[in-house]
Amino acid sequence: MAHWLVKSEPSKWSWEQQVAAGPEGTHWDGVKNHTAKLNLMAMKLGEQVFFYHSNEGLEVVGIVEVIKEAYNWIPGEPWVLVDFKAVKPLPKPVTLAQVKAEPSLETMALVKSFRLSVQPVTDAEWDIVCKMGGL
């Protein structure tokens, strides 16, 4: 199984709102970048995803799970949605500054492709960020 990271501005959709969506979860929308769309399309049921607060906070705050794979939401449009449910918060949010300061994460997409809203995360990166976050 692959790992991923999705970004959301807390003022638009926060970790707290994701948790409040409950086990039914909610769709992830607003992606208007083809690379991000391809990443959404590559996600598989049950895969784990870091939930990252962008613009405000700049930190990984929790883990969500893919509960519905990519589907079209507007007929004729190229964009897709993926549904997620909250799994657990990170006991200690991991900031972008901490990620950048960790030498073993220097090639992580969060560092190299900072603006991309949906990113792959390697198994090694996943383990390191989880450990940094107290998991």
C-alpha atoms as a PDB file:
ATOM      1  CA  MET A   1       0.000   0.000   0.000  1.00  0.00           C
ATOM      2  CA  ALA A   2       1.124   3.526  -0.746  1.00  0.00           C
ATOM      3  CA  HIS A   3       1.109   6.545   1.566  1.00  0.00           C
ATOM      4  CA  TRP A   4       0.104  10.086   0.727  1.00  0.00           C
ATOM      5  CA  LEU A   5      -0.193  13.620   2.037  1.00  0.00           C
ATOM      6  CA  VAL A   6      -3.114  15.974   1.353  1.00  0.00           C
ATOM      7  CA  LYS A   7      -3.164  19.663   2.173  1.00  0.00           C
ATOM      8  CA  SER A   8      -6.040  21.770   3.350  1.00  0.00           C
ATOM      9  CA  GLU A   9      -6.287  25.327   4.562  1.00  0.00           C
ATOM     10  CA  PRO A  10      -7.821  25.049   8.051  1.00  0.00           C
ATOM     11  CA  SER A  11     -10.099  28.020   7.337  1.00  0.00           C
ATOM     12  CA  LYS A  12     -11.620  26.026   4.442  1.00  0.00           C
ATOM     13  CA  TRP A  13     -11.492  22.449   5.834  1.00  0.00           C
ATOM     14  CA  SER A  14      -9.736  21.684   9.107  1.00  0.00           C
ATOM     15  CA  TRP A  15      -8.673  18.508  10.859  1.00  0.00           C
ATOM     16  CA  GLU A  16     -11.470  19.149  13.365  1.00  0.00           C
ATOM     17  CA  GLN A  17     -14.026  19.251  10.535  1.00  0.00           C
ATOM     18  CA  GLN A  18     -12.599  16.030   9.086  1.00  0.00           C
ATOM     19  CA  VAL A  19     -12.936  14.326  12.468  1.00  0.00           C
ATOM     20  CA  ALA A  20     -16.485  15.667  12.838  1.00  0.00           C
ATOM     21  CA  ALA A  21     -17.414  14.009   9.505  1.00  0.00           C
ATOM     22  CA  GLY A  22     -17.227  10.729  11.430  1.00  0.00           C
ATOM     23  CA  PRO A  23     -16.809   7.226  10.013  1.00  0.00           C
ATOM     24  CA  GLU A  24     -18.774   8.153   6.875  1.00  0.00           C
ATOM     25  CA  GLY A  25     -15.979  10.582   6.069  1.00  0.00           C
ATOM     26  CA  THR A  26     -16.197  13.155   3.338  1.00  0.00           C
ATOM     27  CA  HIS A  27     -14.965  13.819  -0.167  1.00  0.00           C
ATOM     28  CA  TRP A  28     -11.735  15.682  -0.913  1.00  0.00           C
ATOM     29  CA  ASP A  29     -12.405  18.382  -3.473  1.00  0.00           C
ATOM     30  CA  GLY A  30     -10.922  21.546  -4.886  1.00  0.00           C
ATOM     31  CA  VAL A  31      -8.014  19.841  -6.669  1.00  0.00           C
ATOM     32  CA  LYS A  32      -7.398  21.675  -9.940  1.00  0.00           C
ATOM     33  CA  ASN A  33      -3.861  20.498 -10.712  1.00  0.00           C
ATOM     34  CA  HIS A  34      -3.265  17.550 -13.030  1.00  0.00           C
ATOM     35  CA  THR A  35      -0.381  16.086 -11.002  1.00  0.00           C
ATOM     36  CA  ALA A  36      -2.467  16.254  -7.828  1.00  0.00           C
ATOM     37  CA  LYS A  37      -5.387  14.693  -9.735  1.00  0.00           C
ATOM     38  CA  LEU A  38      -3.183  11.815 -10.903  1.00  0.00           C
ATOM     39  CA  ASN A  39      -2.112  11.273  -7.295  1.00  0.00           C
ATOM     40  CA  LEU A  40      -5.764  11.133  -6.214  1.00  0.00           C
ATOM     41  CA  MET A  41      -6.461   8.650  -9.003  1.00  0.00           C
ATOM     42  CA  ALA A  42      -3.596   6.441  -7.785  1.00  0.00           C
ATOM     43  CA  MET A  43      -4.971   6.176  -4.234  1.00  0.00           C
ATOM     44  CA  LYS A  44      -6.405   2.816  -3.231  1.00  0.00           C
ATOM     45  CA  LEU A  45      -9.023   1.836  -0.671  1.00  0.00           C
ATOM     46  CA  GLY A  46      -7.534   1.603   2.815  1.00  0.00           C
ATOM     47  CA  GLU A  47      -4.390   3.619   2.123  1.00  0.00           C
ATOM     48  CA  GLN A  48      -3.229   5.983   4.837  1.00  0.00           C
ATOM     49  CA  VAL A  49      -2.811   9.700   4.185  1.00  0.00           C
ATOM     50  CA  PHE A  50      -1.253  12.518   6.200  1.00  0.00           C
ATOM     51  CA  PHE A  51      -3.620  15.471   6.737  1.00  0.00           C
ATOM     52  CA  TYR A  52      -1.594  18.684   6.462  1.00  0.00           C
ATOM     53  CA  HIS A  53      -2.756  22.168   7.445  1.00  0.00           C
ATOM     54  CA  SER A  54      -1.467  24.546   4.771  1.00  0.00           C
ATOM     55  CA  ASN A  55      -1.160  28.339   4.881  1.00  0.00           C
ATOM     56  CA  GLU A  56      -2.133  28.392   8.570  1.00  0.00           C
ATOM     57  CA  GLY A  57      -0.113  26.131  10.811  1.00  0.00           C
ATOM     58  CA  LEU A  58       2.001  24.460   8.144  1.00  0.00           C
ATOM     59  CA  GLU A  59       1.948  21.102   9.905  1.00  0.00           C
ATOM     60  CA  VAL A  60       0.923  17.470   9.604  1.00  0.00           C
ATOM     61  CA  VAL A  61      -1.876  17.155  12.140  1.00  0.00           C
ATOM     62  CA  GLY A  62      -3.450  13.752  11.547  1.00  0.00           C
ATOM     63  CA  ILE A  63      -3.978  10.637   9.468  1.00  0.00           C
ATOM     64  CA  VAL A  64      -6.961   9.896   7.247  1.00  0.00           C
ATOM     65  CA  GLU A  65      -7.820   6.755   5.294  1.00  0.00           C
ATOM     66  CA  VAL A  66      -9.115   6.350   1.753  1.00  0.00           C
ATOM     67  CA  ILE A  67     -12.683   5.030   2.018  1.00  0.00           C
ATOM     68  CA  LYS A  68     -13.713   5.579  -1.608  1.00  0.00           C
ATOM     69  CA  GLU A  69     -11.356   5.636  -4.574  1.00  0.00           C
ATOM     70  CA  ALA A  70     -11.328   8.391  -7.206  1.00  0.00           C
ATOM     71  CA  TYR A  71     -14.609   9.217  -8.910  1.00  0.00           C
ATOM     72  CA  ASN A  72     -15.850  12.003 -11.167  1.00  0.00           C
ATOM     73  CA  TRP A  73     -18.011  14.612  -9.529  1.00  0.00           C
ATOM     74  CA  ILE A  74     -19.000  16.748 -12.502  1.00  0.00           C
ATOM     75  CA  PRO A  75     -19.809  14.944 -15.770  1.00  0.00           C
ATOM     76  CA  GLY A  76     -17.471  16.026 -18.552  1.00  0.00           C
ATOM     77  CA  GLU A  77     -14.931  17.601 -16.170  1.00  0.00           C
ATOM     78  CA  PRO A  78     -11.487  16.015 -15.715  1.00  0.00           C
ATOM     79  CA  TRP A  79     -11.379  16.450 -11.919  1.00  0.00           C
ATOM     80  CA  VAL A  80     -11.938  13.676  -9.392  1.00  0.00           C
ATOM     81  CA  LEU A  81     -12.793  13.250  -5.732  1.00  0.00           C
ATOM     82  CA  VAL A  82     -11.576  10.739  -3.171  1.00  0.00           C
ATOM     83  CA  ASP A  83     -13.397  10.118   0.102  1.00  0.00           C
ATOM     84  CA  PHE A  84     -11.486  10.046   3.394  1.00  0.00           C
ATOM     85  CA  LYS A  85     -12.280   9.361   7.020  1.00  0.00           C
ATOM     86  CA  ALA A  86     -10.209  10.533   9.970  1.00  0.00           C
ATOM     87  CA  VAL A  87      -8.161   7.781  11.611  1.00  0.00           C
ATOM     88  CA  LYS A  88      -6.180   9.551  14.341  1.00  0.00           C
ATOM     89  CA  PRO A  89      -4.471  12.810  15.182  1.00  0.00           C
ATOM     90  CA  LEU A  90      -0.724  13.045  15.536  1.00  0.00           C
ATOM     91  CA  PRO A  91      -0.021  13.443  19.271  1.00  0.00           C
ATOM     92  CA  LYS A  92       2.507  16.133  18.305  1.00  0.00           C
ATOM     93  CA  PRO A  93       1.837  17.943  15.010  1.00  0.00           C
ATOM     94  CA  VAL A  94       4.889  17.878  12.727  1.00  0.00           C
ATOM     95  CA  THR A  95       5.680  21.286  11.302  1.00  0.00           C
ATOM     96  CA  LEU A  96       7.116  22.048   7.894  1.00  0.00           C
ATOM     97  CA  ALA A  97      10.139  23.549   9.682  1.00  0.00           C
ATOM     98  CA  GLN A  98      10.731  20.228  11.474  1.00  0.00           C
ATOM     99  CA  VAL A  99      10.426  18.299   8.204  1.00  0.00           C
ATOM    100  CA  LYS A 100      12.891  20.642   6.495  1.00  0.00           C
ATOM    101  CA  ALA A 101      15.304  20.313   9.438  1.00  0.00           C
ATOM    102  CA  GLU A 102      15.321  16.491   9.228  1.00  0.00           C
ATOM    103  CA  PRO A 103      18.125  15.455   6.817  1.00  0.00           C
ATOM    104  CA  SER A 104      16.462  12.135   5.977  1.00  0.00           C
ATOM    105  CA  LEU A 105      13.403  14.037   4.669  1.00  0.00           C
ATOM    106  CA  GLU A 106      15.278  16.405   2.342  1.00  0.00           C
ATOM    107  CA  THR A 107      13.814  14.755  -0.777  1.00  0.00           C
ATOM    108  CA  MET A 108      10.254  14.470   0.561  1.00  0.00           C
ATOM    109  CA  ALA A 109       7.666  16.004  -1.788  1.00  0.00           C
ATOM    110  CA  LEU A 110       6.573  18.305   1.047  1.00  0.00           C
ATOM    111  CA  VAL A 111      10.022  19.897   0.790  1.00  0.00           C
ATOM    112  CA  LYS A 112      10.642  19.587  -2.962  1.00  0.00           C
ATOM    113  CA  SER A 113       7.115  20.157  -4.327  1.00  0.00           C
ATOM    114  CA  PHE A 114       5.727  22.293  -1.535  1.00  0.00           C
ATOM    115  CA  ARG A 115       2.841  23.777  -3.531  1.00  0.00           C
ATOM    116  CA  LEU A 116       1.416  20.424  -4.680  1.00  0.00           C
ATOM    117  CA  SER A 117      -1.795  19.717  -2.733  1.00  0.00           C
ATOM    118  CA  VAL A 118      -1.764  15.910  -3.037  1.00  0.00           C
ATOM    119  CA  GLN A 119       1.622  14.223  -2.705  1.00  0.00           C
ATOM    120  CA  PRO A 120       3.093  10.734  -2.482  1.00  0.00           C
ATOM    121  CA  VAL A 121       4.965   9.804   0.705  1.00  0.00           C
ATOM    122  CA  THR A 122       7.507   6.976   0.747  1.00  0.00           C
ATOM    123  CA  ASP A 123       7.352   4.266   3.397  1.00  0.00           C
ATOM    124  CA  ALA A 124      10.557   5.604   4.983  1.00  0.00           C
ATOM    125  CA  GLU A 125       9.201   9.178   5.051  1.00  0.00           C
ATOM    126  CA  TRP A 126       5.937   7.918   6.535  1.00  0.00           C
ATOM    127  CA  ASP A 127       7.759   6.127   9.345  1.00  0.00           C
ATOM    128  CA  ILE A 128       9.945   9.143  10.135  1.00  0.00           C
ATOM    129  CA  VAL A 129       7.059  11.650  10.226  1.00  0.00           C
ATOM    130  CA  CYS A 130       4.971   9.257  12.349  1.00  0.00           C
ATOM    131  CA  LYS A 131       7.846   8.939  14.812  1.00  0.00           C
ATOM    132  CA  MET A 132       8.340  12.715  14.860  1.00  0.00           C
ATOM    133  CA  GLY A 133       4.611  13.054  15.561  1.00  0.00           C
ATOM    134  CA  GLY A 134       4.664  10.680  18.512  1.00  0.00           C
ATOM    135  CA  LEU A 135       3.218   7.582  16.852  1.00  0.00           C
END
